[in-house]
Amino acid sequence: SPVNAALNWSNEFKFWLKDIEPSINHYQLTTVERNLRIEHLISWYKSGGVLIMGYEMYRRLAEGIGIKDKKLKIAAYNCLVDPGPDIVGN
């Protein structure tokens, strides 16, 4: 299931990068309570790092499905869709 896949990715990420310095922020939304997901999403957006979630959760958050507060819908969209994902290398 997508939940198990996201949890597996999260565990693998922690295992393989545990000794990396500086540490990389890691956010996993699958097990976060629904009413706290936007808060975690905004924290990831501001702090940077890796965000792990399944496609269905991405789609629902990006489209604002189930989010009643207009400001939170906009925040989710801005975090996930606009300006888009970045890949940064040194």
N, C-alpha and C. Protein backbone atom coordinates (compact mmCIF):
# COMPACT_ATOMS: atom_id res chain seq x y z
N SER A 1 0.84 -1.19 0.00
CA SER A 1 0.00 0.00 0.00
C SER A 1 0.88 1.24 0.00
N PRO A 2 0.36 2.37 -0.48
CA PRO A 2 1.15 3.60 -0.51
C PRO A 2 1.63 4.04 0.88
N VAL A 3 0.83 3.79 1.91
CA VAL A 3 1.25 4.16 3.27
C VAL A 3 2.49 3.37 3.65
N ASN A 4 2.47 2.06 3.40
CA ASN A 4 3.63 1.23 3.73
C ASN A 4 4.85 1.63 2.91
N ALA A 5 4.65 1.98 1.65
CA ALA A 5 5.76 2.40 0.81
C ALA A 5 6.40 3.68 1.36
N ALA A 6 5.58 4.64 1.74
CA ALA A 6 6.10 5.90 2.30
C ALA A 6 6.84 5.64 3.61
N LEU A 7 6.29 4.78 4.45
CA LEU A 7 6.96 4.45 5.71
C LEU A 7 8.28 3.74 5.46
N ASN A 8 8.31 2.85 4.47
CA ASN A 8 9.55 2.16 4.12
C ASN A 8 10.60 3.16 3.62
N TRP A 9 10.21 4.09 2.75
CA TRP A 9 11.13 5.12 2.26
C TRP A 9 11.67 5.93 3.43
N SER A 10 10.81 6.28 4.35
CA SER A 10 11.21 7.06 5.52
C SER A 10 12.25 6.30 6.35
N ASN A 11 12.00 5.03 6.58
CA ASN A 11 12.94 4.20 7.34
C ASN A 11 14.27 4.05 6.61
N GLU A 12 14.22 3.84 5.30
CA GLU A 12 15.45 3.73 4.51
C GLU A 12 16.24 5.03 4.54
N PHE A 13 15.54 6.14 4.42
CA PHE A 13 16.19 7.45 4.45
C PHE A 13 16.94 7.62 5.77
N LYS A 14 16.26 7.33 6.88
CA LYS A 14 16.89 7.47 8.20
C LYS A 14 18.09 6.53 8.34
N PHE A 15 17.96 5.29 7.85
CA PHE A 15 19.02 4.30 7.99
C PHE A 15 20.27 4.70 7.22
N TRP A 16 20.11 5.04 5.95
CA TRP A 16 21.26 5.29 5.09
C TRP A 16 21.91 6.66 5.29
N LEU A 17 21.17 7.60 5.82
CA LEU A 17 21.73 8.95 5.98
C LEU A 17 21.94 9.35 7.44
N LYS A 18 21.92 8.38 8.33
CA LYS A 18 22.03 8.71 9.76
C LYS A 18 23.36 9.34 10.13
N ASP A 19 24.42 9.05 9.39
CA ASP A 19 25.75 9.57 9.73
C ASP A 19 26.16 10.77 8.88
N ILE A 20 25.27 11.26 8.05
CA ILE A 20 25.57 12.40 7.18
C ILE A 20 25.58 13.68 8.02
N GLU A 21 26.62 14.48 7.84
CA GLU A 21 26.70 15.80 8.50
C GLU A 21 26.89 16.85 7.42
N PRO A 22 26.21 17.96 7.47
CA PRO A 22 25.14 18.24 8.42
C PRO A 22 23.93 17.37 8.12
N SER A 23 23.15 17.13 9.12
CA SER A 23 21.98 16.26 8.95
C SER A 23 20.96 16.90 8.01
N ILE A 24 20.19 16.07 7.39
CA ILE A 24 19.18 16.53 6.44
C ILE A 24 17.81 16.42 7.11
N ASN A 25 17.07 17.52 7.10
CA ASN A 25 15.71 17.48 7.66
C ASN A 25 14.87 16.47 6.89
N HIS A 26 14.06 15.75 7.61
CA HIS A 26 13.26 14.67 7.02
C HIS A 26 11.83 14.77 7.54
N TYR A 27 10.89 14.89 6.62
CA TYR A 27 9.48 15.01 6.98
C TYR A 27 8.71 13.89 6.30
N GLN A 28 7.82 13.26 7.03
CA GLN A 28 7.01 12.15 6.51
C GLN A 28 5.58 12.42 6.95
N LEU A 29 4.69 12.64 5.99
CA LEU A 29 3.33 13.06 6.30
C LEU A 29 2.33 11.93 6.48
N THR A 30 2.70 10.72 6.12
CA THR A 30 1.75 9.61 6.10
C THR A 30 1.10 9.35 7.45
N THR A 31 1.86 9.42 8.52
CA THR A 31 1.32 9.11 9.84
C THR A 31 0.94 10.35 10.65
N VAL A 32 1.10 11.52 10.05
CA VAL A 32 0.75 12.77 10.73
C VAL A 32 -0.77 12.93 10.70
N GLU A 33 -1.35 13.35 11.82
CA GLU A 33 -2.79 13.56 11.87
C GLU A 33 -3.20 14.56 10.79
N ARG A 34 -4.34 14.31 10.19
CA ARG A 34 -4.83 15.11 9.07
C ARG A 34 -4.82 16.61 9.37
N ASN A 35 -5.24 17.00 10.57
CA ASN A 35 -5.33 18.42 10.89
C ASN A 35 -3.96 19.07 11.12
N LEU A 36 -2.89 18.28 11.18
CA LEU A 36 -1.55 18.82 11.37
C LEU A 36 -0.69 18.77 10.11
N ARG A 37 -1.19 18.18 9.05
CA ARG A 37 -0.38 17.98 7.84
C ARG A 37 0.07 19.29 7.21
N ILE A 38 -0.81 20.28 7.13
CA ILE A 38 -0.44 21.56 6.51
C ILE A 38 0.66 22.22 7.34
N GLU A 39 0.54 22.14 8.67
CA GLU A 39 1.56 22.70 9.55
C GLU A 39 2.92 22.06 9.27
N HIS A 40 2.97 20.75 9.14
CA HIS A 40 4.21 20.04 8.83
C HIS A 40 4.71 20.40 7.43
N LEU A 41 3.79 20.53 6.51
CA LEU A 41 4.14 20.90 5.14
C LEU A 41 4.80 22.28 5.11
N ILE A 42 4.24 23.23 5.81
CA ILE A 42 4.80 24.58 5.87
C ILE A 42 6.17 24.56 6.54
N SER A 43 6.32 23.77 7.58
CA SER A 43 7.61 23.63 8.26
C SER A 43 8.67 23.10 7.29
N TRP A 44 8.32 22.07 6.51
CA TRP A 44 9.24 21.53 5.51
C TRP A 44 9.59 22.60 4.48
N TYR A 45 8.60 23.32 4.01
CA TYR A 45 8.80 24.34 2.98
C TYR A 45 9.76 25.42 3.46
N LYS A 46 9.62 25.83 4.71
CA LYS A 46 10.47 26.89 5.26
C LYS A 46 11.87 26.39 5.63
N SER A 47 11.96 25.16 6.12
CA SER A 47 13.24 24.64 6.62
C SER A 47 14.04 23.87 5.58
N GLY A 48 13.36 23.36 4.56
CA GLY A 48 14.05 22.54 3.57
C GLY A 48 14.20 21.11 4.05
N GLY A 49 14.75 20.29 3.20
CA GLY A 49 14.95 18.89 3.51
C GLY A 49 14.18 18.00 2.57
N VAL A 50 13.87 16.82 3.04
CA VAL A 50 13.18 15.82 2.23
C VAL A 50 11.78 15.61 2.78
N LEU A 51 10.80 15.63 1.88
CA LEU A 51 9.41 15.40 2.25
C LEU A 51 8.96 14.10 1.59
N ILE A 52 8.47 13.17 2.40
CA ILE A 52 8.04 11.87 1.88
C ILE A 52 6.53 11.74 2.07
N MET A 53 5.84 11.47 0.96
CA MET A 53 4.40 11.19 1.00
C MET A 53 4.05 10.47 -0.29
N GLY A 54 2.92 9.81 -0.29
CA GLY A 54 2.44 9.13 -1.48
C GLY A 54 1.83 10.11 -2.47
N TYR A 55 1.66 9.64 -3.71
CA TYR A 55 1.10 10.50 -4.75
C TYR A 55 -0.31 10.98 -4.41
N GLU A 56 -1.13 10.10 -3.89
CA GLU A 56 -2.52 10.47 -3.59
C GLU A 56 -2.58 11.60 -2.57
N MET A 57 -1.73 11.53 -1.54
CA MET A 57 -1.71 12.62 -0.56
C MET A 57 -1.20 13.90 -1.21
N TYR A 58 -0.17 13.79 -2.05
CA TYR A 58 0.33 14.96 -2.77
C TYR A 58 -0.79 15.60 -3.58
N ARG A 59 -1.50 14.79 -4.33
CA ARG A 59 -2.58 15.29 -5.19
C ARG A 59 -3.66 15.98 -4.37
N ARG A 60 -4.08 15.35 -3.29
CA ARG A 60 -5.14 15.92 -2.45
C ARG A 60 -4.71 17.24 -1.81
N LEU A 61 -3.47 17.29 -1.31
CA LEU A 61 -2.99 18.53 -0.71
C LEU A 61 -2.79 19.62 -1.76
N ALA A 62 -2.20 19.27 -2.90
CA ALA A 62 -1.94 20.25 -3.95
C ALA A 62 -3.23 20.82 -4.52
N GLU A 63 -4.27 20.00 -4.60
CA GLU A 63 -5.56 20.46 -5.13
C GLU A 63 -6.47 21.02 -4.04
N GLY A 64 -6.05 20.93 -2.79
CA GLY A 64 -6.85 21.47 -1.69
C GLY A 64 -8.07 20.63 -1.34
N ILE A 65 -8.06 19.37 -1.74
CA ILE A 65 -9.20 18.49 -1.48
C ILE A 65 -9.31 18.24 0.03
N GLY A 66 -10.46 18.53 0.59
CA GLY A 66 -10.70 18.32 2.01
C GLY A 66 -10.18 19.43 2.91
N ILE A 67 -9.61 20.48 2.31
CA ILE A 67 -9.11 21.62 3.10
C ILE A 67 -10.14 22.73 3.00
N LYS A 68 -10.78 23.04 4.10
CA LYS A 68 -11.86 24.03 4.09
C LYS A 68 -11.36 25.47 4.17
N ASP A 69 -10.30 25.70 4.93
CA ASP A 69 -9.76 27.04 5.12
C ASP A 69 -9.02 27.49 3.86
N LYS A 70 -9.45 28.60 3.27
CA LYS A 70 -8.87 29.08 2.01
C LYS A 70 -7.38 29.40 2.16
N LYS A 71 -6.98 29.98 3.29
CA LYS A 71 -5.56 30.30 3.51
C LYS A 71 -4.71 29.03 3.55
N LEU A 72 -5.24 27.98 4.16
CA LEU A 72 -4.50 26.72 4.22
C LEU A 72 -4.42 26.06 2.85
N LYS A 73 -5.49 26.18 2.05
CA LYS A 73 -5.45 25.66 0.67
C LYS A 73 -4.35 26.35 -0.12
N ILE A 74 -4.29 27.67 0.00
CA ILE A 74 -3.28 28.44 -0.72
C ILE A 74 -1.88 28.06 -0.23
N ALA A 75 -1.73 27.91 1.08
CA ALA A 75 -0.43 27.53 1.64
C ALA A 75 0.02 26.17 1.11
N ALA A 76 -0.89 25.20 1.07
CA ALA A 76 -0.54 23.87 0.57
C ALA A 76 -0.13 23.95 -0.90
N TYR A 77 -0.89 24.69 -1.69
CA TYR A 77 -0.57 24.85 -3.11
C TYR A 77 0.80 25.49 -3.28
N ASN A 78 1.05 26.56 -2.53
CA ASN A 78 2.33 27.27 -2.65
C ASN A 78 3.50 26.41 -2.22
N CYS A 79 3.31 25.56 -1.25
CA CYS A 79 4.39 24.67 -0.79
C CYS A 79 4.70 23.57 -1.80
N LEU A 80 3.67 23.04 -2.45
CA LEU A 80 3.85 21.85 -3.29
C LEU A 80 3.92 22.11 -4.79
N VAL A 81 3.25 23.14 -5.26
CA VAL A 81 3.11 23.31 -6.71
C VAL A 81 3.85 24.54 -7.23
N ASP A 82 3.74 25.64 -6.54
CA ASP A 82 4.30 26.89 -7.04
C ASP A 82 5.34 27.40 -6.06
N PRO A 83 6.60 27.43 -6.35
CA PRO A 83 7.23 27.48 -7.65
C PRO A 83 7.65 26.13 -8.21
N GLY A 84 7.36 25.05 -7.54
CA GLY A 84 7.71 23.72 -8.03
C GLY A 84 8.87 23.15 -7.23
N PRO A 85 9.14 21.86 -7.39
CA PRO A 85 10.23 21.23 -6.65
C PRO A 85 11.59 21.71 -7.14
N ASP A 86 12.53 21.74 -6.24
CA ASP A 86 13.89 22.15 -6.58
C ASP A 86 14.84 21.00 -6.31
N ILE A 87 15.82 20.87 -7.17
CA ILE A 87 16.92 19.94 -6.93
C ILE A 87 18.17 20.80 -6.87
N VAL A 88 18.85 20.75 -5.74
CA VAL A 88 20.01 21.61 -5.54
C VAL A 88 21.24 20.73 -5.37
N GLY A 89 22.26 21.03 -6.12
CA GLY A 89 23.51 20.29 -6.01
C GLY A 89 24.66 21.23 -5.69
N ASN A 90 25.74 20.68 -5.19
CA ASN A 90 26.93 21.49 -4.89
C ASN A 90 27.95 21.32 -5.97
